[in-house]
Amino acid sequence: MRIIVRLDVMLAQRKMKSKDLAEKIGISEQNLSMLKSGKVKGVRFDTLAKICQVLKCQPGELLEFEASPGDPLAVKPELLKSMFEGVKKGS
């Protein structure tokens, strides 16, 4: 499993440069670059909050969870549908 950081997409949509975002949230361009590329193990909530404040977005718009194949957390929608076929609402 991994977390995908969609910061580059958000910056492009807002026509903002990484340098400008880094300056506004108070981190180095190098640290922001590492965050964008997913090379960091974590991000502080206050840094995430600052990014969201500047980009006017929610954390879920920046981060996406991707389960690995075979991961027990990786439940396919088709499987869920088949599990609940025949189950009536309110039962």
C-alpha atoms as a PDB file:
ATOM      1  CA  MET A   1       0.000   0.000   0.000  1.00  0.00           C
ATOM      2  CA  ARG A   2       1.102   3.541  -0.560  1.00  0.00           C
ATOM      3  CA  ILE A   3      -0.092   7.098  -0.333  1.00  0.00           C
ATOM      4  CA  ILE A   4      -0.063   9.046  -3.588  1.00  0.00           C
ATOM      5  CA  VAL A   5       0.562  12.780  -3.230  1.00  0.00           C
ATOM      6  CA  ARG A   6      -1.311  14.813  -5.842  1.00  0.00           C
ATOM      7  CA  LEU A   7       0.326  18.108  -4.992  1.00  0.00           C
ATOM      8  CA  ASP A   8       1.645  18.619  -8.525  1.00  0.00           C
ATOM      9  CA  VAL A   9      -1.902  18.373  -9.910  1.00  0.00           C
ATOM     10  CA  MET A  10      -3.233  20.901  -7.395  1.00  0.00           C
ATOM     11  CA  LEU A  11      -0.407  23.326  -8.153  1.00  0.00           C
ATOM     12  CA  ALA A  12      -1.017  23.036 -11.903  1.00  0.00           C
ATOM     13  CA  GLN A  13      -4.764  23.601 -11.481  1.00  0.00           C
ATOM     14  CA  ARG A  14      -4.066  26.752  -9.494  1.00  0.00           C
ATOM     15  CA  LYS A  15      -1.253  27.908 -11.773  1.00  0.00           C
ATOM     16  CA  MET A  16       1.062  28.160  -8.787  1.00  0.00           C
ATOM     17  CA  LYS A  17       4.772  27.401  -8.678  1.00  0.00           C
ATOM     18  CA  SER A  18       6.284  25.099  -6.083  1.00  0.00           C
ATOM     19  CA  LYS A  19       8.608  27.905  -5.054  1.00  0.00           C
ATOM     20  CA  ASP A  20       5.658  30.164  -4.225  1.00  0.00           C
ATOM     21  CA  LEU A  21       3.865  27.471  -2.225  1.00  0.00           C
ATOM     22  CA  ALA A  22       7.022  26.585  -0.290  1.00  0.00           C
ATOM     23  CA  GLU A  23       7.511  30.237   0.599  1.00  0.00           C
ATOM     24  CA  LYS A  24       3.886  30.693   1.710  1.00  0.00           C
ATOM     25  CA  ILE A  25       3.876  27.624   3.968  1.00  0.00           C
ATOM     26  CA  GLY A  26       7.365  28.147   5.358  1.00  0.00           C
ATOM     27  CA  ILE A  27       9.268  25.098   4.115  1.00  0.00           C
ATOM     28  CA  SER A  28      12.193  24.739   1.729  1.00  0.00           C
ATOM     29  CA  GLU A  29      11.649  24.042  -1.961  1.00  0.00           C
ATOM     30  CA  GLN A  30      13.681  20.866  -1.486  1.00  0.00           C
ATOM     31  CA  ASN A  31      11.333  19.581   1.230  1.00  0.00           C
ATOM     32  CA  LEU A  32       8.295  20.455  -0.878  1.00  0.00           C
ATOM     33  CA  SER A  33       9.849  18.649  -3.851  1.00  0.00           C
ATOM     34  CA  MET A  34      10.388  15.541  -1.723  1.00  0.00           C
ATOM     35  CA  LEU A  35       6.768  15.700  -0.572  1.00  0.00           C
ATOM     36  CA  LYS A  36       5.529  16.077  -4.164  1.00  0.00           C
ATOM     37  CA  SER A  37       7.541  13.069  -5.307  1.00  0.00           C
ATOM     38  CA  GLY A  38       6.377  10.883  -2.413  1.00  0.00           C
ATOM     39  CA  LYS A  39       9.907  10.434  -1.069  1.00  0.00           C
ATOM     40  CA  VAL A  40       8.933  11.340   2.491  1.00  0.00           C
ATOM     41  CA  LYS A  41       7.676   8.923   5.137  1.00  0.00           C
ATOM     42  CA  GLY A  42       5.183  11.395   6.553  1.00  0.00           C
ATOM     43  CA  VAL A  43       3.941  14.942   6.675  1.00  0.00           C
ATOM     44  CA  ARG A  44       3.118  16.996   9.741  1.00  0.00           C
ATOM     45  CA  PHE A  45      -0.539  17.891  10.143  1.00  0.00           C
ATOM     46  CA  ASP A  46       0.313  21.566  10.505  1.00  0.00           C
ATOM     47  CA  THR A  47       2.208  21.473   7.186  1.00  0.00           C
ATOM     48  CA  LEU A  48      -0.708  19.686   5.527  1.00  0.00           C
ATOM     49  CA  ALA A  49      -3.109  22.255   6.983  1.00  0.00           C
ATOM     50  CA  LYS A  50      -1.001  25.136   5.640  1.00  0.00           C
ATOM     51  CA  ILE A  51      -0.883  23.555   2.183  1.00  0.00           C
ATOM     52  CA  CYS A  52      -4.666  23.108   2.212  1.00  0.00           C
ATOM     53  CA  GLN A  53      -5.173  26.672   3.405  1.00  0.00           C
ATOM     54  CA  VAL A  54      -3.003  28.153   0.642  1.00  0.00           C
ATOM     55  CA  LEU A  55      -4.409  25.894  -2.096  1.00  0.00           C
ATOM     56  CA  LYS A  56      -7.972  26.158  -0.736  1.00  0.00           C
ATOM     57  CA  CYS A  57      -8.510  22.408  -0.761  1.00  0.00           C
ATOM     58  CA  GLN A  58      -9.145  19.438   1.499  1.00  0.00           C
ATOM     59  CA  PRO A  59      -6.487  16.852   2.486  1.00  0.00           C
ATOM     60  CA  GLY A  60      -8.377  14.205   0.517  1.00  0.00           C
ATOM     61  CA  GLU A  61      -7.800  16.196  -2.652  1.00  0.00           C
ATOM     62  CA  LEU A  62      -4.041  16.012  -2.066  1.00  0.00           C
ATOM     63  CA  LEU A  63      -3.638  12.458  -0.797  1.00  0.00           C
ATOM     64  CA  GLU A  64      -4.877   9.153  -2.179  1.00  0.00           C
ATOM     65  CA  PHE A  65      -4.526   5.672  -0.699  1.00  0.00           C
ATOM     66  CA  GLU A  66      -3.538   2.908  -3.119  1.00  0.00           C
ATOM     67  CA  ALA A  67      -3.644  -0.666  -1.831  1.00  0.00           C
ATOM     68  CA  SER A  68      -1.113  -3.196  -3.081  1.00  0.00           C
ATOM     69  CA  PRO A  69      -2.340  -6.225  -5.059  1.00  0.00           C
ATOM     70  CA  GLY A  70      -3.138  -9.007  -2.620  1.00  0.00           C
ATOM     71  CA  ASP A  71      -3.464  -6.564   0.258  1.00  0.00           C
ATOM     72  CA  PRO A  72      -6.409  -7.553   2.466  1.00  0.00           C
ATOM     73  CA  LEU A  73      -7.451  -3.896   2.403  1.00  0.00           C
ATOM     74  CA  ALA A  74      -7.677  -3.993  -1.392  1.00  0.00           C
ATOM     75  CA  VAL A  75     -11.323  -4.937  -1.797  1.00  0.00           C
ATOM     76  CA  LYS A  76     -12.515  -4.676  -5.362  1.00  0.00           C
ATOM     77  CA  PRO A  77     -15.909  -3.021  -6.015  1.00  0.00           C
ATOM     78  CA  GLU A  78     -17.041  -6.094  -8.016  1.00  0.00           C
ATOM     79  CA  LEU A  79     -16.391  -8.296  -4.994  1.00  0.00           C
ATOM     80  CA  LEU A  80     -18.406  -6.021  -2.730  1.00  0.00           C
ATOM     81  CA  LYS A  81     -21.266  -5.995  -5.222  1.00  0.00           C
ATOM     82  CA  SER A  82     -21.296  -9.793  -5.475  1.00  0.00           C
ATOM     83  CA  MET A  83     -21.208 -10.108  -1.683  1.00  0.00           C
ATOM     84  CA  PHE A  84     -24.357  -8.039  -1.329  1.00  0.00           C
ATOM     85  CA  GLU A  85     -26.339  -9.336  -4.316  1.00  0.00           C
ATOM     86  CA  GLY A  86     -29.666 -10.605  -3.136  1.00  0.00           C
ATOM     87  CA  VAL A  87     -29.555  -8.624   0.092  1.00  0.00           C
ATOM     88  CA  LYS A  88     -32.667  -6.490   0.340  1.00  0.00           C
ATOM     89  CA  LYS A  89     -32.697  -3.000   1.728  1.00  0.00           C
ATOM     90  CA  GLY A  90     -33.845  -2.870   5.310  1.00  0.00           C
ATOM     91  CA  SER A  91     -33.097  -6.565   5.939  1.00  0.00           C
END
